Amino acid sequence: MSGSGAKRVPIVHSVTVPFGHLDLRLHQLECGTRGWSLRPGGFQPAETRPVVNGALDGPALEAFIADMEIALSALRRFREDVGGAA
């Protein structure tokens, strides 16, 4: 074994948004594959590995959107249950 590892495919499009104390990164690779990752906030992407990540190709994109909508709904219900923002 050469130990060289897998060759990285360049990212051609990337959007990073704050997500609490994490950064949500959505990206598309040069080969066309799309994905997402959550990383600790405040770091350059190359400085830290993702906490979690996944694909956004095909049905995975629609599933990710549905998961985010469910999470947002649950967050709003939680806010209502605890009496709003402090």
C-alpha atoms as a PDB file:
ATOM      1  CA  MET A   1       0.000   0.000   0.000  1.00  0.00           C
ATOM      2  CA  SER A   2       1.272   3.408  -0.897  1.00  0.00           C
ATOM      3  CA  GLY A   3      -0.538   5.221   1.914  1.00  0.00           C
ATOM      4  CA  SER A   4      -1.305   8.136  -0.375  1.00  0.00           C
ATOM      5  CA  GLY A   5      -5.036   8.052   0.420  1.00  0.00           C
ATOM      6  CA  ALA A   6      -7.914   9.188  -1.734  1.00  0.00           C
ATOM      7  CA  LYS A   7      -7.488  12.170  -4.005  1.00  0.00           C
ATOM      8  CA  ARG A   8      -9.673  15.121  -3.008  1.00  0.00           C
ATOM      9  CA  VAL A   9     -12.119  16.424  -5.589  1.00  0.00           C
ATOM     10  CA  PRO A  10     -12.211  20.246  -5.768  1.00  0.00           C
ATOM     11  CA  ILE A  11     -15.265  22.091  -4.443  1.00  0.00           C
ATOM     12  CA  VAL A  12     -16.782  24.319  -7.134  1.00  0.00           C
ATOM     13  CA  HIS A  13     -19.608  25.857  -5.086  1.00  0.00           C
ATOM     14  CA  SER A  14     -19.936  26.246  -1.331  1.00  0.00           C
ATOM     15  CA  VAL A  15     -22.270  28.078   1.050  1.00  0.00           C
ATOM     16  CA  THR A  16     -21.574  28.237   4.789  1.00  0.00           C
ATOM     17  CA  VAL A  17     -24.136  29.528   7.297  1.00  0.00           C
ATOM     18  CA  PRO A  18     -24.025  29.799  11.104  1.00  0.00           C
ATOM     19  CA  PHE A  19     -26.023  27.028  12.785  1.00  0.00           C
ATOM     20  CA  GLY A  20     -25.872  27.688  16.516  1.00  0.00           C
ATOM     21  CA  HIS A  21     -22.259  27.076  17.595  1.00  0.00           C
ATOM     22  CA  LEU A  22     -21.706  25.076  14.394  1.00  0.00           C
ATOM     23  CA  ASP A  23     -21.312  26.012  10.736  1.00  0.00           C
ATOM     24  CA  LEU A  24     -23.590  24.324   8.199  1.00  0.00           C
ATOM     25  CA  ARG A  25     -21.743  23.960   4.909  1.00  0.00           C
ATOM     26  CA  LEU A  26     -23.494  23.047   1.655  1.00  0.00           C
ATOM     27  CA  HIS A  27     -21.212  22.242  -1.266  1.00  0.00           C
ATOM     28  CA  GLN A  28     -20.953  20.869  -4.782  1.00  0.00           C
ATOM     29  CA  LEU A  29     -17.833  19.055  -5.973  1.00  0.00           C
ATOM     30  CA  GLU A  30     -16.271  19.362  -9.406  1.00  0.00           C
ATOM     31  CA  CYS A  31     -17.627  15.899 -10.266  1.00  0.00           C
ATOM     32  CA  GLY A  32     -21.192  17.132  -9.559  1.00  0.00           C
ATOM     33  CA  THR A  33     -21.723  15.414  -6.201  1.00  0.00           C
ATOM     34  CA  ARG A  34     -23.465  17.601  -3.602  1.00  0.00           C
ATOM     35  CA  GLY A  35     -23.208  17.341   0.162  1.00  0.00           C
ATOM     36  CA  TRP A  36     -23.472  18.994   3.554  1.00  0.00           C
ATOM     37  CA  SER A  37     -21.445  19.067   6.749  1.00  0.00           C
ATOM     38  CA  LEU A  38     -21.658  20.480  10.257  1.00  0.00           C
ATOM     39  CA  ARG A  39     -18.387  21.740  11.742  1.00  0.00           C
ATOM     40  CA  PRO A  40     -17.468  23.639  14.908  1.00  0.00           C
ATOM     41  CA  GLY A  41     -17.939  27.344  14.199  1.00  0.00           C
ATOM     42  CA  GLY A  42     -15.115  29.837  13.885  1.00  0.00           C
ATOM     43  CA  PHE A  43     -12.628  27.611  12.035  1.00  0.00           C
ATOM     44  CA  GLN A  44     -11.517  27.459   8.431  1.00  0.00           C
ATOM     45  CA  PRO A  45     -12.940  24.328   6.739  1.00  0.00           C
ATOM     46  CA  ALA A  46      -9.459  22.841   6.296  1.00  0.00           C
ATOM     47  CA  GLU A  47      -8.685  23.234  10.020  1.00  0.00           C
ATOM     48  CA  THR A  48     -11.341  20.916  11.364  1.00  0.00           C
ATOM     49  CA  ARG A  49     -13.121  17.747  10.353  1.00  0.00           C
ATOM     50  CA  PRO A  50     -16.922  17.705  10.074  1.00  0.00           C
ATOM     51  CA  VAL A  51     -18.905  16.626  13.124  1.00  0.00           C
ATOM     52  CA  VAL A  52     -21.400  14.992  10.759  1.00  0.00           C
ATOM     53  CA  ASN A  53     -21.893  15.071   7.004  1.00  0.00           C
ATOM     54  CA  GLY A  54     -24.003  13.567   4.264  1.00  0.00           C
ATOM     55  CA  ALA A  55     -24.986  13.585   0.622  1.00  0.00           C
ATOM     56  CA  LEU A  56     -27.410  15.943  -1.095  1.00  0.00           C
ATOM     57  CA  ASP A  57     -27.759  13.966  -4.320  1.00  0.00           C
ATOM     58  CA  GLY A  58     -31.079  12.658  -5.635  1.00  0.00           C
ATOM     59  CA  PRO A  59     -33.656  11.843  -2.943  1.00  0.00           C
ATOM     60  CA  ALA A  60     -31.166  12.747  -0.195  1.00  0.00           C
ATOM     61  CA  LEU A  61     -31.676  16.458  -0.966  1.00  0.00           C
ATOM     62  CA  GLU A  62     -35.446  16.244  -0.493  1.00  0.00           C
ATOM     63  CA  ALA A  63     -34.988  14.162   2.675  1.00  0.00           C
ATOM     64  CA  PHE A  64     -32.536  16.747   4.078  1.00  0.00           C
ATOM     65  CA  ILE A  65     -34.991  19.592   3.377  1.00  0.00           C
ATOM     66  CA  ALA A  66     -37.799  17.621   5.064  1.00  0.00           C
ATOM     67  CA  ASP A  67     -35.572  16.904   8.089  1.00  0.00           C
ATOM     68  CA  MET A  68     -34.715  20.615   8.405  1.00  0.00           C
ATOM     69  CA  GLU A  69     -38.410  21.577   8.190  1.00  0.00           C
ATOM     70  CA  ILE A  70     -39.287  19.044  10.911  1.00  0.00           C
ATOM     71  CA  ALA A  71     -36.451  20.322  13.108  1.00  0.00           C
ATOM     72  CA  LEU A  72     -37.600  23.931  12.638  1.00  0.00           C
ATOM     73  CA  SER A  73     -41.169  22.993  13.522  1.00  0.00           C
ATOM     74  CA  ALA A  74     -39.979  21.182  16.658  1.00  0.00           C
ATOM     75  CA  LEU A  75     -37.879  24.203  17.651  1.00  0.00           C
ATOM     76  CA  ARG A  76     -40.884  26.513  17.284  1.00  0.00           C
ATOM     77  CA  ARG A  77     -43.055  24.159  19.377  1.00  0.00           C
ATOM     78  CA  PHE A  78     -40.335  24.045  22.034  1.00  0.00           C
ATOM     79  CA  ARG A  79     -40.227  27.864  22.113  1.00  0.00           C
ATOM     80  CA  GLU A  80     -44.013  27.957  22.600  1.00  0.00           C
ATOM     81  CA  ASP A  81     -43.901  25.279  25.323  1.00  0.00           C
ATOM     82  CA  VAL A  82     -41.278  27.104  27.375  1.00  0.00           C
ATOM     83  CA  GLY A  83     -42.870  30.534  27.067  1.00  0.00           C
ATOM     84  CA  GLY A  84     -40.892  32.156  24.275  1.00  0.00           C
ATOM     85  CA  ALA A  85     -37.427  33.644  24.245  1.00  0.00           C
ATOM     86  CA  ALA A  86     -35.980  34.633  27.613  1.00  0.00           C
END
